[in-house]
N, C-alpha and C. Protein backbone atom coordinates (compact mmCIF):
# COMPACT_ATOMS: atom_id res chain seq x y z
N MET A 1 17.30 -2.35 -9.25
CA MET A 1 16.19 -1.55 -9.76
C MET A 1 15.67 -0.78 -8.58
N ASP A 2 15.42 0.51 -8.78
CA ASP A 2 15.09 1.33 -7.65
C ASP A 2 13.82 2.17 -7.83
N ARG A 3 13.15 2.07 -8.98
CA ARG A 3 11.98 2.91 -9.18
C ARG A 3 10.84 2.13 -9.78
N LYS A 4 9.64 2.42 -9.32
CA LYS A 4 8.45 1.76 -9.78
C LYS A 4 8.24 1.88 -11.28
N ASP A 5 8.51 3.05 -11.84
CA ASP A 5 8.27 3.28 -13.28
C ASP A 5 9.26 2.56 -14.17
N ASN A 6 10.24 1.88 -13.57
CA ASN A 6 11.18 1.08 -14.36
C ASN A 6 10.74 -0.39 -14.44
N GLY A 7 9.53 -0.69 -13.97
CA GLY A 7 9.01 -2.05 -14.07
C GLY A 7 9.21 -2.89 -12.81
N ALA A 8 9.58 -2.24 -11.71
CA ALA A 8 9.77 -2.98 -10.47
C ALA A 8 8.46 -3.57 -10.00
N SER A 9 8.55 -4.78 -9.44
CA SER A 9 7.37 -5.49 -9.00
C SER A 9 7.17 -5.49 -7.50
N PHE A 10 8.18 -5.08 -6.74
CA PHE A 10 8.13 -5.17 -5.29
C PHE A 10 8.49 -3.84 -4.65
N GLN A 11 7.67 -3.44 -3.72
CA GLN A 11 7.85 -2.15 -2.99
C GLN A 11 8.28 -2.48 -1.58
N ILE A 12 9.24 -1.69 -1.07
CA ILE A 12 9.67 -1.87 0.31
C ILE A 12 9.14 -0.67 1.11
N VAL A 13 8.38 -0.96 2.14
CA VAL A 13 7.71 0.07 2.95
C VAL A 13 8.27 0.01 4.36
N VAL A 14 8.71 1.15 4.89
CA VAL A 14 9.21 1.24 6.27
C VAL A 14 8.36 2.24 7.02
N ASP A 15 7.75 1.76 8.07
CA ASP A 15 6.84 2.59 8.90
C ASP A 15 5.80 3.33 8.07
N GLY A 16 5.23 2.63 7.10
CA GLY A 16 4.15 3.17 6.28
C GLY A 16 4.60 4.08 5.13
N LYS A 17 5.91 4.28 4.96
CA LYS A 17 6.41 5.13 3.89
C LYS A 17 7.19 4.29 2.90
N SER A 18 6.89 4.49 1.59
CA SER A 18 7.61 3.76 0.56
C SER A 18 9.08 4.19 0.54
N ARG A 19 9.97 3.19 0.61
CA ARG A 19 11.40 3.49 0.65
C ARG A 19 12.12 3.13 -0.63
N SER A 20 11.68 2.06 -1.28
CA SER A 20 12.43 1.55 -2.43
C SER A 20 11.56 0.59 -3.22
N TYR A 21 12.01 0.27 -4.44
CA TYR A 21 11.34 -0.71 -5.30
C TYR A 21 12.42 -1.66 -5.80
N ARG A 22 12.06 -2.94 -5.97
CA ARG A 22 12.99 -3.95 -6.51
C ARG A 22 12.27 -4.78 -7.57
N ASP A 23 13.04 -5.38 -8.45
CA ASP A 23 12.43 -6.13 -9.53
C ASP A 23 12.20 -7.60 -9.23
N THR A 24 12.91 -8.17 -8.25
CA THR A 24 12.67 -9.58 -7.91
C THR A 24 12.37 -9.70 -6.41
N LEU A 25 11.63 -10.75 -6.06
CA LEU A 25 11.29 -10.97 -4.66
C LEU A 25 12.54 -11.21 -3.80
N GLU A 26 13.48 -11.94 -4.35
CA GLU A 26 14.71 -12.25 -3.59
C GLU A 26 15.45 -10.95 -3.18
N THR A 27 15.67 -10.05 -4.13
CA THR A 27 16.37 -8.81 -3.81
C THR A 27 15.54 -7.91 -2.90
N ALA A 28 14.22 -7.92 -3.06
CA ALA A 28 13.34 -7.13 -2.21
C ALA A 28 13.40 -7.63 -0.76
N LEU A 29 13.36 -8.95 -0.59
CA LEU A 29 13.45 -9.50 0.77
C LEU A 29 14.81 -9.23 1.40
N GLU A 30 15.88 -9.34 0.62
CA GLU A 30 17.21 -9.03 1.14
C GLU A 30 17.31 -7.57 1.58
N ALA A 31 16.75 -6.66 0.76
CA ALA A 31 16.76 -5.24 1.13
C ALA A 31 15.92 -4.98 2.36
N GLY A 32 14.75 -5.65 2.44
CA GLY A 32 13.87 -5.50 3.63
C GLY A 32 14.54 -6.00 4.88
N ILE A 33 15.19 -7.13 4.80
CA ILE A 33 15.90 -7.68 5.96
C ILE A 33 17.04 -6.77 6.38
N PHE A 34 17.77 -6.25 5.41
CA PHE A 34 18.85 -5.29 5.71
C PHE A 34 18.34 -4.07 6.44
N LEU A 35 17.22 -3.51 5.96
CA LEU A 35 16.63 -2.34 6.59
C LEU A 35 16.15 -2.68 8.02
N LYS A 36 15.56 -3.85 8.20
CA LYS A 36 15.12 -4.26 9.52
C LYS A 36 16.29 -4.42 10.50
N GLU A 37 17.44 -4.94 10.00
CA GLU A 37 18.61 -5.10 10.84
C GLU A 37 19.17 -3.74 11.26
N GLN A 38 19.02 -2.74 10.40
CA GLN A 38 19.51 -1.39 10.70
C GLN A 38 18.57 -0.66 11.66
N HIS A 39 17.26 -0.97 11.59
CA HIS A 39 16.23 -0.30 12.39
C HIS A 39 15.23 -1.30 12.93
N PRO A 40 15.65 -2.10 13.94
CA PRO A 40 14.78 -3.17 14.46
C PRO A 40 13.37 -2.73 14.92
N PRO A 41 13.21 -1.52 15.53
CA PRO A 41 11.86 -1.21 16.01
C PRO A 41 10.91 -0.78 14.86
N SER A 42 11.43 -0.54 13.67
CA SER A 42 10.60 -0.09 12.55
C SER A 42 9.81 -1.23 11.96
N GLU A 43 8.62 -0.91 11.40
CA GLU A 43 7.81 -1.87 10.68
C GLU A 43 8.28 -1.92 9.23
N VAL A 44 8.73 -3.07 8.75
CA VAL A 44 9.23 -3.23 7.38
C VAL A 44 8.39 -4.25 6.66
N ILE A 45 7.84 -3.84 5.49
CA ILE A 45 6.97 -4.71 4.70
C ILE A 45 7.48 -4.70 3.26
N VAL A 46 7.50 -5.89 2.64
CA VAL A 46 7.78 -6.00 1.21
C VAL A 46 6.43 -6.34 0.55
N ARG A 47 6.02 -5.46 -0.40
CA ARG A 47 4.72 -5.60 -1.00
C ARG A 47 4.85 -5.86 -2.49
N ASP A 48 4.16 -6.87 -3.00
CA ASP A 48 4.09 -7.17 -4.43
C ASP A 48 3.09 -6.19 -5.04
N VAL A 49 3.55 -5.28 -5.87
CA VAL A 49 2.65 -4.25 -6.41
C VAL A 49 1.67 -4.78 -7.44
N ARG A 50 1.92 -5.99 -7.96
CA ARG A 50 1.00 -6.57 -8.96
C ARG A 50 -0.27 -7.10 -8.32
N ASN A 51 -0.16 -7.75 -7.18
CA ASN A 51 -1.35 -8.33 -6.56
C ASN A 51 -1.52 -7.94 -5.07
N ASN A 52 -0.70 -7.03 -4.60
CA ASN A 52 -0.82 -6.45 -3.27
C ASN A 52 -0.57 -7.45 -2.14
N VAL A 53 0.15 -8.54 -2.39
CA VAL A 53 0.50 -9.46 -1.34
C VAL A 53 1.69 -8.90 -0.57
N GLN A 54 1.60 -8.99 0.78
CA GLN A 54 2.62 -8.37 1.63
C GLN A 54 3.38 -9.43 2.41
N THR A 55 4.68 -9.19 2.57
CA THR A 55 5.54 -10.04 3.40
C THR A 55 6.11 -9.14 4.48
N VAL A 56 5.82 -9.46 5.71
CA VAL A 56 6.31 -8.67 6.87
C VAL A 56 7.70 -9.17 7.25
N ILE A 57 8.59 -8.22 7.45
CA ILE A 57 9.95 -8.54 7.93
C ILE A 57 9.92 -8.41 9.44
N GLY A 58 10.21 -9.48 10.13
CA GLY A 58 10.15 -9.48 11.60
C GLY A 58 11.52 -9.44 12.25
N TRP A 59 11.52 -9.36 13.57
CA TRP A 59 12.74 -9.31 14.37
C TRP A 59 12.57 -10.21 15.57
N LYS A 60 13.47 -11.19 15.73
CA LYS A 60 13.36 -12.10 16.86
C LYS A 60 14.78 -12.54 17.26
N ASN A 61 15.03 -12.53 18.56
CA ASN A 61 16.31 -12.98 19.11
C ASN A 61 17.53 -12.36 18.42
N GLY A 62 17.43 -11.07 18.09
CA GLY A 62 18.56 -10.36 17.53
C GLY A 62 18.80 -10.53 16.06
N SER A 63 17.85 -11.09 15.31
CA SER A 63 18.05 -11.20 13.87
C SER A 63 16.70 -11.01 13.14
N ALA A 64 16.82 -10.53 11.89
CA ALA A 64 15.64 -10.27 11.06
C ALA A 64 15.24 -11.54 10.32
N PHE A 65 13.94 -11.68 10.00
CA PHE A 65 13.45 -12.81 9.21
C PHE A 65 12.22 -12.35 8.46
N SER A 66 11.89 -13.10 7.40
CA SER A 66 10.67 -12.76 6.63
C SER A 66 9.60 -13.79 6.95
N SER A 67 8.35 -13.32 7.02
CA SER A 67 7.21 -14.17 7.30
C SER A 67 6.63 -14.69 5.98
N ASP A 68 5.59 -15.51 6.11
CA ASP A 68 4.87 -15.94 4.91
C ASP A 68 4.14 -14.76 4.31
N ALA A 69 3.99 -14.74 3.01
CA ALA A 69 3.26 -13.67 2.32
C ALA A 69 1.79 -13.74 2.69
N ILE A 70 1.18 -12.56 2.91
CA ILE A 70 -0.24 -12.50 3.22
C ILE A 70 -0.89 -11.43 2.32
N PRO A 71 -2.14 -11.66 1.90
CA PRO A 71 -2.83 -10.65 1.12
C PRO A 71 -3.12 -9.43 2.00
N ALA A 72 -3.03 -8.26 1.41
CA ALA A 72 -3.36 -7.02 2.12
C ALA A 72 -4.86 -6.95 2.38
N PRO A 73 -5.30 -6.23 3.39
CA PRO A 73 -6.73 -6.11 3.67
C PRO A 73 -7.48 -5.60 2.44
N GLY A 74 -8.58 -6.25 2.14
CA GLY A 74 -9.40 -5.84 1.01
C GLY A 74 -9.04 -6.51 -0.29
N PHE A 75 -7.98 -7.33 -0.30
CA PHE A 75 -7.56 -8.01 -1.49
C PHE A 75 -7.54 -9.50 -1.23
N SER A 76 -7.75 -10.28 -2.25
CA SER A 76 -7.67 -11.72 -2.10
C SER A 76 -6.73 -12.30 -3.17
N VAL A 77 -6.11 -13.39 -2.82
CA VAL A 77 -5.21 -14.07 -3.74
C VAL A 77 -5.90 -15.33 -4.22
N PRO A 78 -5.96 -15.55 -5.52
CA PRO A 78 -6.65 -16.75 -6.03
C PRO A 78 -5.99 -18.00 -5.48
N GLY A 79 -6.81 -18.94 -5.02
CA GLY A 79 -6.32 -20.19 -4.51
C GLY A 79 -6.56 -21.32 -5.51
N PRO A 80 -6.28 -22.54 -5.10
CA PRO A 80 -6.57 -23.67 -5.99
C PRO A 80 -8.06 -23.79 -6.29
N ARG A 81 -8.36 -24.16 -7.49
CA ARG A 81 -9.74 -24.31 -7.89
C ARG A 81 -10.22 -25.72 -7.57
N SER A 82 -11.48 -25.82 -7.13
CA SER A 82 -12.03 -27.15 -6.88
C SER A 82 -12.54 -27.71 -8.19
N LYS A 83 -12.55 -29.04 -8.28
CA LYS A 83 -12.95 -29.69 -9.54
C LYS A 83 -14.43 -29.99 -9.56
């Protein structure tokens, strides 16, 4: 899936510019890691368009990896409720 209007839930952003959309987190992370391997100095982020949670694709010791998902500035993710 490559377009937001087709129901994609994940956006891939490279250096602040939207590059692609994917329908599952797994394929979005794979695409983000592939892009990071092709362009290590670039900032690559996989963003969930439903709740704006971002996963940064990093580069360390010659290979790409994905970090834990973090909420974007100004947004919060609901946590566990206290009883």
